[in-house]
Amino acid sequence: MDDLEIDPNWDLMLDGNAAAGLFQEMFAVEMTACPTACAWCGQQGQIGRLLAFAHAPGIVLRCPNCMNVMMRIVETNETIYFEASGVAYLAFERSAW
């Protein structure tokens, strides 16, 4: 038996592309290819490479390097809540506008 503790949420994890529809609705541009960086460890990469946990009352996007939360998105009937306190930066290409 392996000594590593198995996280049951790991089986539910997707990649950041799982949030593509919500990002399209919020920003009206394709977001999964946008560069971003983790505010915790500095890991850089595209949003589509983040780890997405979508089996909750929203989507939680985590850094694939340090596993800290970078973004949270929760939808209600009236509002989409977007929180990105774990993001050092999020870059939008002008050609996408």
N, C-alpha and C. Protein backbone atom coordinates (compact mmCIF):
# COMPACT_ATOMS: atom_id res chain seq x y z
N MET A 1 0.85 -1.18 0.00
CA MET A 1 0.00 0.00 0.00
C MET A 1 0.89 1.23 0.00
N ASP A 2 0.54 2.20 -0.77
CA ASP A 2 1.28 3.45 -0.89
C ASP A 2 1.02 4.32 0.35
N ASP A 3 2.06 5.01 0.84
CA ASP A 3 1.93 5.85 2.01
C ASP A 3 1.28 7.21 1.70
N LEU A 4 1.12 7.55 0.42
CA LEU A 4 0.51 8.82 0.06
C LEU A 4 -0.98 8.81 0.37
N GLU A 5 -1.45 9.88 0.98
CA GLU A 5 -2.88 10.01 1.25
C GLU A 5 -3.59 10.37 -0.04
N ILE A 6 -4.64 9.66 -0.35
CA ILE A 6 -5.40 9.89 -1.57
C ILE A 6 -6.54 10.87 -1.26
N ASP A 7 -6.60 11.97 -2.02
CA ASP A 7 -7.64 12.96 -1.87
C ASP A 7 -8.83 12.52 -2.72
N PRO A 8 -9.99 12.29 -2.11
CA PRO A 8 -11.15 11.82 -2.90
C PRO A 8 -11.62 12.84 -3.93
N ASN A 9 -11.28 14.12 -3.74
CA ASN A 9 -11.68 15.14 -4.71
C ASN A 9 -10.86 15.06 -6.00
N TRP A 10 -9.73 14.39 -5.98
CA TRP A 10 -8.86 14.31 -7.15
C TRP A 10 -9.59 13.68 -8.34
N ASP A 11 -10.46 12.72 -8.08
CA ASP A 11 -11.21 12.06 -9.15
C ASP A 11 -12.22 13.00 -9.79
N LEU A 12 -12.60 14.06 -9.09
CA LEU A 12 -13.58 15.01 -9.61
C LEU A 12 -12.94 16.17 -10.35
N MET A 13 -11.61 16.28 -10.32
CA MET A 13 -10.89 17.41 -10.89
C MET A 13 -10.88 17.34 -12.41
N LEU A 14 -11.12 18.52 -13.03
CA LEU A 14 -11.02 18.68 -14.48
C LEU A 14 -9.91 19.69 -14.74
N ASP A 15 -9.76 20.14 -15.98
CA ASP A 15 -8.82 21.24 -16.20
C ASP A 15 -9.62 22.53 -16.38
N GLY A 16 -8.90 23.65 -16.48
CA GLY A 16 -9.54 24.96 -16.53
C GLY A 16 -10.49 25.17 -17.69
N ASN A 17 -10.42 24.32 -18.70
CA ASN A 17 -11.34 24.42 -19.83
C ASN A 17 -12.79 24.18 -19.39
N ALA A 18 -12.98 23.55 -18.23
CA ALA A 18 -14.33 23.32 -17.72
C ALA A 18 -15.04 24.63 -17.41
N ALA A 19 -14.29 25.71 -17.22
CA ALA A 19 -14.88 27.02 -16.93
C ALA A 19 -15.05 27.88 -18.17
N ALA A 20 -14.80 27.34 -19.35
CA ALA A 20 -14.82 28.12 -20.59
C ALA A 20 -16.16 28.81 -20.83
N GLY A 21 -17.26 28.12 -20.62
CA GLY A 21 -18.58 28.71 -20.86
C GLY A 21 -18.86 29.87 -19.93
N LEU A 22 -18.50 29.72 -18.65
CA LEU A 22 -18.70 30.82 -17.71
C LEU A 22 -17.84 32.02 -18.06
N PHE A 23 -16.58 31.79 -18.41
CA PHE A 23 -15.70 32.90 -18.79
C PHE A 23 -16.23 33.60 -20.04
N GLN A 24 -16.74 32.84 -21.00
CA GLN A 24 -17.29 33.43 -22.22
C GLN A 24 -18.48 34.32 -21.88
N GLU A 25 -19.32 33.86 -20.97
CA GLU A 25 -20.48 34.64 -20.56
C GLU A 25 -20.07 35.92 -19.82
N MET A 26 -19.06 35.82 -18.97
CA MET A 26 -18.64 36.97 -18.16
C MET A 26 -17.83 37.99 -18.96
N PHE A 27 -16.91 37.52 -19.80
CA PHE A 27 -15.97 38.43 -20.44
C PHE A 27 -16.17 38.57 -21.95
N ALA A 28 -17.02 37.76 -22.54
CA ALA A 28 -17.33 37.79 -23.97
C ALA A 28 -16.09 37.58 -24.85
N VAL A 29 -15.07 36.92 -24.33
CA VAL A 29 -13.89 36.52 -25.11
C VAL A 29 -13.47 35.13 -24.66
N GLU A 30 -12.73 34.45 -25.50
CA GLU A 30 -12.17 33.13 -25.16
C GLU A 30 -11.09 33.34 -24.10
N MET A 31 -11.29 32.77 -22.92
CA MET A 31 -10.39 33.02 -21.80
C MET A 31 -9.40 31.89 -21.51
N THR A 32 -9.68 30.67 -21.95
CA THR A 32 -8.87 29.54 -21.51
C THR A 32 -7.42 29.63 -21.99
N ALA A 33 -7.15 30.40 -23.04
CA ALA A 33 -5.77 30.56 -23.53
C ALA A 33 -5.08 31.78 -22.91
N CYS A 34 -5.79 32.56 -22.10
CA CYS A 34 -5.19 33.76 -21.49
C CYS A 34 -4.10 33.37 -20.48
N PRO A 35 -2.95 34.04 -20.55
CA PRO A 35 -1.90 33.78 -19.58
C PRO A 35 -2.28 34.32 -18.21
N THR A 36 -1.85 33.60 -17.19
CA THR A 36 -2.08 34.01 -15.81
C THR A 36 -0.91 33.53 -14.97
N ALA A 37 -0.83 34.02 -13.74
CA ALA A 37 0.21 33.59 -12.81
C ALA A 37 -0.40 33.43 -11.43
N CYS A 38 0.06 32.44 -10.72
CA CYS A 38 -0.39 32.17 -9.35
C CYS A 38 0.22 33.22 -8.41
N ALA A 39 -0.62 33.83 -7.58
CA ALA A 39 -0.15 34.81 -6.61
C ALA A 39 0.64 34.16 -5.48
N TRP A 40 0.50 32.85 -5.31
CA TRP A 40 1.15 32.15 -4.20
C TRP A 40 2.55 31.68 -4.57
N CYS A 41 2.70 31.01 -5.71
CA CYS A 41 4.00 30.42 -6.06
C CYS A 41 4.63 31.01 -7.31
N GLY A 42 3.88 31.83 -8.06
CA GLY A 42 4.40 32.46 -9.27
C GLY A 42 4.31 31.62 -10.52
N GLN A 43 3.77 30.40 -10.44
CA GLN A 43 3.62 29.53 -11.61
C GLN A 43 2.84 30.26 -12.69
N GLN A 44 3.34 30.26 -13.92
CA GLN A 44 2.68 30.91 -15.03
C GLN A 44 2.13 29.87 -15.99
N GLY A 45 1.03 30.20 -16.63
CA GLY A 45 0.43 29.30 -17.61
C GLY A 45 -0.92 29.81 -18.05
N GLN A 46 -1.56 29.07 -18.91
CA GLN A 46 -2.88 29.45 -19.41
C GLN A 46 -3.96 29.02 -18.43
N ILE A 47 -5.07 29.74 -18.44
CA ILE A 47 -6.19 29.38 -17.57
C ILE A 47 -6.63 27.94 -17.81
N GLY A 48 -6.60 27.50 -19.04
CA GLY A 48 -7.01 26.14 -19.37
C GLY A 48 -6.16 25.06 -18.72
N ARG A 49 -4.99 25.42 -18.21
CA ARG A 49 -4.12 24.45 -17.55
C ARG A 49 -4.31 24.40 -16.04
N LEU A 50 -5.15 25.31 -15.50
CA LEU A 50 -5.43 25.26 -14.07
C LEU A 50 -6.25 24.02 -13.76
N LEU A 51 -6.25 23.61 -12.51
CA LEU A 51 -7.05 22.46 -12.08
C LEU A 51 -8.43 22.97 -11.69
N ALA A 52 -9.46 22.42 -12.31
CA ALA A 52 -10.83 22.88 -12.08
C ALA A 52 -11.59 21.84 -11.28
N PHE A 53 -12.17 22.30 -10.18
CA PHE A 53 -13.05 21.47 -9.37
C PHE A 53 -14.45 22.05 -9.55
N ALA A 54 -15.28 21.34 -10.31
CA ALA A 54 -16.57 21.87 -10.73
C ALA A 54 -17.75 21.16 -10.08
N HIS A 55 -17.52 20.30 -9.11
CA HIS A 55 -18.59 19.54 -8.47
C HIS A 55 -18.95 20.18 -7.13
N ALA A 56 -19.24 21.44 -7.17
CA ALA A 56 -19.61 22.20 -5.97
C ALA A 56 -20.63 23.24 -6.42
N PRO A 57 -21.00 24.14 -5.56
CA PRO A 57 -21.92 25.19 -5.99
C PRO A 57 -21.22 26.24 -6.85
N GLY A 58 -20.23 25.83 -7.58
CA GLY A 58 -19.49 26.72 -8.47
C GLY A 58 -18.26 25.99 -8.98
N ILE A 59 -17.32 26.76 -9.52
CA ILE A 59 -16.06 26.20 -10.02
C ILE A 59 -14.92 26.81 -9.22
N VAL A 60 -14.02 25.97 -8.75
CA VAL A 60 -12.81 26.42 -8.07
C VAL A 60 -11.63 26.06 -8.97
N LEU A 61 -10.81 27.05 -9.32
CA LEU A 61 -9.64 26.83 -10.17
C LEU A 61 -8.39 26.94 -9.30
N ARG A 62 -7.60 25.88 -9.30
CA ARG A 62 -6.39 25.80 -8.46
C ARG A 62 -5.13 25.78 -9.31
N CYS A 63 -4.05 26.25 -8.73
CA CYS A 63 -2.75 26.21 -9.38
C CYS A 63 -2.30 24.75 -9.50
N PRO A 64 -1.85 24.31 -10.67
CA PRO A 64 -1.40 22.92 -10.81
C PRO A 64 -0.06 22.67 -10.13
N ASN A 65 0.64 23.73 -9.74
CA ASN A 65 1.94 23.58 -9.09
C ASN A 65 1.81 23.49 -7.57
N CYS A 66 1.13 24.46 -6.94
CA CYS A 66 1.07 24.50 -5.47
C CYS A 66 -0.30 24.13 -4.92
N MET A 67 -1.31 23.98 -5.79
CA MET A 67 -2.68 23.59 -5.43
C MET A 67 -3.46 24.67 -4.68
N ASN A 68 -2.92 25.88 -4.54
CA ASN A 68 -3.68 26.97 -3.91
C ASN A 68 -4.78 27.45 -4.84
N VAL A 69 -5.85 27.97 -4.26
CA VAL A 69 -6.98 28.47 -5.03
C VAL A 69 -6.58 29.77 -5.73
N MET A 70 -6.79 29.83 -7.03
CA MET A 70 -6.52 31.04 -7.80
C MET A 70 -7.81 31.80 -8.10
N MET A 71 -8.89 31.08 -8.47
CA MET A 71 -10.15 31.72 -8.83
C MET A 71 -11.32 30.89 -8.34
N ARG A 72 -12.42 31.59 -8.09
CA ARG A 72 -13.70 30.94 -7.76
C ARG A 72 -14.77 31.61 -8.59
N ILE A 73 -15.70 30.80 -9.12
CA ILE A 73 -16.83 31.32 -9.88
C ILE A 73 -18.08 30.62 -9.39
N VAL A 74 -19.06 31.41 -8.95
CA VAL A 74 -20.33 30.86 -8.47
C VAL A 74 -21.45 31.56 -9.21
N GLU A 75 -22.41 30.79 -9.70
CA GLU A 75 -23.57 31.33 -10.41
C GLU A 75 -24.82 31.21 -9.55
N THR A 76 -25.63 32.26 -9.55
CA THR A 76 -26.99 32.19 -9.03
C THR A 76 -27.92 32.51 -10.20
N ASN A 77 -29.20 32.54 -9.97
CA ASN A 77 -30.13 32.89 -11.03
C ASN A 77 -29.95 34.32 -11.51
N GLU A 78 -29.50 35.20 -10.62
CA GLU A 78 -29.39 36.62 -10.95
C GLU A 78 -27.97 37.10 -11.19
N THR A 79 -26.96 36.40 -10.67
CA THR A 79 -25.61 36.95 -10.62
C THR A 79 -24.56 35.87 -10.84
N ILE A 80 -23.41 36.29 -11.41
CA ILE A 80 -22.22 35.45 -11.43
C ILE A 80 -21.19 36.12 -10.52
N TYR A 81 -20.71 35.41 -9.52
CA TYR A 81 -19.70 35.92 -8.61
C TYR A 81 -18.34 35.39 -9.05
N PHE A 82 -17.39 36.29 -9.22
CA PHE A 82 -16.04 35.94 -9.67
C PHE A 82 -15.03 36.49 -8.67
N GLU A 83 -14.21 35.61 -8.12
CA GLU A 83 -13.20 36.01 -7.14
C GLU A 83 -11.86 35.47 -7.62
N ALA A 84 -10.85 36.32 -7.69
CA ALA A 84 -9.55 35.91 -8.22
C ALA A 84 -8.40 36.41 -7.34
N SER A 85 -8.53 36.28 -6.04
CA SER A 85 -7.48 36.80 -5.14
C SER A 85 -6.19 36.00 -5.23
N GLY A 86 -6.24 34.80 -5.80
CA GLY A 86 -5.03 34.00 -5.94
C GLY A 86 -4.31 34.19 -7.27
N VAL A 87 -4.72 35.22 -8.03
CA VAL A 87 -4.13 35.49 -9.34
C VAL A 87 -3.19 36.69 -9.23
N ALA A 88 -1.94 36.51 -9.63
CA ALA A 88 -1.00 37.63 -9.64
C ALA A 88 -1.29 38.54 -10.82
N TYR A 89 -1.61 37.97 -11.97
CA TYR A 89 -2.05 38.73 -13.14
C TYR A 89 -2.86 37.83 -14.05
N LEU A 90 -3.65 38.48 -14.89
CA LEU A 90 -4.44 37.81 -15.92
C LEU A 90 -4.31 38.69 -17.15
N ALA A 91 -3.76 38.15 -18.23
CA ALA A 91 -3.46 38.95 -19.43
C ALA A 91 -4.50 38.69 -20.52
N PHE A 92 -5.01 39.77 -21.11
CA PHE A 92 -5.93 39.70 -22.24
C PHE A 92 -5.23 40.27 -23.45
N GLU A 93 -5.22 39.52 -24.55
CA GLU A 93 -4.65 40.05 -25.79
C GLU A 93 -5.63 41.04 -26.40
N ARG A 94 -5.13 42.16 -26.89
CA ARG A 94 -6.00 43.17 -27.49
C ARG A 94 -6.74 42.61 -28.70
N SER A 95 -6.15 41.70 -29.43
CA SER A 95 -6.82 41.14 -30.62
C SER A 95 -8.08 40.37 -30.25
N ALA A 96 -8.19 39.94 -28.99
CA ALA A 96 -9.38 39.20 -28.55
C ALA A 96 -10.58 40.12 -28.36
N TRP A 97 -10.37 41.44 -28.29
CA TRP A 97 -11.46 42.37 -28.07
C TRP A 97 -12.00 42.76 -29.36
